[in-house]
């Protein structure tokens, strides 16, 4: 069980860092672009410190398509929370419907 859960936990942590690296700077649009790029790269370093082990450990339990699908679904969940709580940007019904279709795709990838 731990072997199956560890990659999920690492991917969740990885996606939190990734989301801040990709979208966190949107609250600081007055900062120079070169500065936010450097800060984003610094944040992304920690994302990779979790993402690479997640895939390495996950490959012992999941196939690459399952790892990728899992990562995408986790990304969406983290992004929804981030968008609402950090950016204050609403998620509309059509966003959720589109995200739900991606979750259905993930379900199909995991189906034997």
Protein backbone atom coordinates (compact mmCIF):
# COMPACT_ATOMS: atom_id res chain seq x y z
CA UNK A 1 0.00 0.00 0.00
CA UNK A 2 2.80 2.43 0.91
CA UNK A 3 4.44 1.88 -2.50
CA UNK A 4 1.22 2.93 -4.23
CA UNK A 5 0.57 5.91 -1.91
CA UNK A 6 4.06 7.47 -1.79
CA UNK A 7 4.07 8.57 -5.45
CA UNK A 8 0.64 10.17 -5.01
CA UNK A 9 1.79 12.13 -1.97
CA UNK A 10 4.98 13.25 -3.72
CA UNK A 11 3.00 14.30 -6.80
CA UNK A 12 0.63 16.36 -4.66
CA UNK A 13 3.57 18.19 -3.07
CA UNK A 14 5.23 18.57 -6.44
CA UNK A 15 2.11 20.08 -7.95
CA UNK A 16 1.77 22.62 -5.15
CA UNK A 17 5.27 23.90 -5.95
CA UNK A 18 4.62 23.72 -9.70
CA UNK A 19 1.39 25.70 -9.43
CA UNK A 20 3.11 28.45 -7.43
CA UNK A 21 5.99 28.50 -9.92
CA UNK A 22 3.67 28.78 -12.91
CA UNK A 23 0.88 30.99 -11.56
CA UNK A 24 1.98 32.53 -8.25
CA UNK A 25 3.59 35.51 -9.95
CA UNK A 26 0.20 36.62 -11.30
CA UNK A 27 -0.35 38.43 -7.99
CA UNK A 28 2.85 40.39 -8.58
CA UNK A 29 2.38 41.82 -12.06
CA UNK A 30 4.28 44.96 -11.09
CA UNK A 31 7.53 43.03 -10.65
CA UNK A 32 10.04 42.81 -13.52
CA UNK A 33 9.56 39.74 -15.67
CA UNK A 34 13.19 38.65 -15.30
CA UNK A 35 12.73 38.58 -11.52
CA UNK A 36 9.59 36.48 -11.55
CA UNK A 37 11.23 34.08 -14.02
CA UNK A 38 14.16 33.59 -11.63
CA UNK A 39 11.87 33.16 -8.62
CA UNK A 40 9.73 30.69 -10.60
CA UNK A 41 12.82 28.69 -11.52
CA UNK A 42 13.81 28.59 -7.86
CA UNK A 43 10.37 27.30 -6.88
CA UNK A 44 10.43 24.79 -9.74
CA UNK A 45 13.64 23.30 -8.33
CA UNK A 46 11.67 22.06 -5.32
CA UNK A 47 8.92 20.82 -7.62
CA UNK A 48 11.45 18.64 -9.43
CA UNK A 49 12.89 17.42 -6.11
CA UNK A 50 9.48 15.82 -5.48
CA UNK A 51 8.35 15.02 -9.02
CA UNK A 52 11.37 12.99 -10.07
CA UNK A 53 11.23 10.65 -7.04
CA UNK A 54 7.44 10.40 -7.45
CA UNK A 55 7.90 9.04 -10.95
CA UNK A 56 10.87 6.88 -9.99
CA UNK A 57 9.01 5.24 -7.10
CA UNK A 58 5.72 5.26 -8.97
CA UNK A 59 7.17 3.37 -11.93
CA UNK A 60 7.50 0.33 -9.67
CA UNK A 61 3.71 0.32 -9.20
CA UNK A 62 2.20 2.24 -12.14
CA UNK A 63 2.91 2.35 -15.85
CA UNK A 64 4.02 5.66 -17.42
CA UNK A 65 0.55 6.45 -18.82
CA UNK A 66 -0.97 5.95 -15.37
CA UNK A 67 1.68 8.18 -13.77
CA UNK A 68 1.00 10.92 -16.31
CA UNK A 69 -2.77 10.68 -15.93
CA UNK A 70 -2.42 10.76 -12.14
CA UNK A 71 -0.19 13.83 -12.36
CA UNK A 72 -2.70 15.65 -14.58
CA UNK A 73 -5.63 14.92 -12.27
CA UNK A 74 -3.65 16.03 -9.23
CA UNK A 75 -2.62 19.18 -11.11
CA UNK A 76 -6.25 20.04 -11.76
CA UNK A 77 -7.27 19.52 -8.14
CA UNK A 78 -4.37 21.62 -6.84
CA UNK A 79 -5.05 24.31 -9.46
CA UNK A 80 -8.73 24.63 -8.53
CA UNK A 81 -7.87 25.17 -4.86
CA UNK A 82 -5.02 27.56 -5.78
CA UNK A 83 -7.14 29.56 -8.21
CA UNK A 84 -9.92 30.09 -5.70
CA UNK A 85 -7.90 30.61 -2.52
CA UNK A 86 -4.70 32.33 -3.70
CA UNK A 87 -5.67 34.14 -6.89
CA UNK A 88 -9.29 34.76 -5.95
CA UNK A 89 -10.32 33.65 -9.44
CA UNK A 90 -13.60 31.79 -9.69
CA UNK A 91 -13.92 28.37 -11.22
CA UNK A 92 -17.04 28.19 -13.38
CA UNK A 93 -19.24 25.24 -14.26
CA UNK A 94 -17.65 24.87 -17.70
CA UNK A 95 -14.17 24.68 -16.14
CA UNK A 96 -15.36 21.96 -13.79
CA UNK A 97 -17.07 20.12 -16.67
CA UNK A 98 -13.85 20.18 -18.69
CA UNK A 99 -11.83 19.03 -15.71
CA UNK A 100 -14.34 16.23 -15.13
CA UNK A 101 -13.75 14.99 -18.68
CA UNK A 102 -10.04 14.82 -17.94
CA UNK A 103 -10.80 12.78 -14.80
CA UNK A 104 -12.90 10.42 -16.96
CA UNK A 105 -9.87 10.06 -19.25
CA UNK A 106 -7.75 9.21 -16.21
CA UNK A 107 -10.28 6.59 -15.16
CA UNK A 108 -10.05 5.00 -18.61
CA UNK A 109 -6.25 4.94 -18.43
CA UNK A 110 -6.37 3.07 -15.10
CA UNK A 111 -9.00 0.60 -16.29
CA UNK A 112 -7.59 -2.83 -17.09
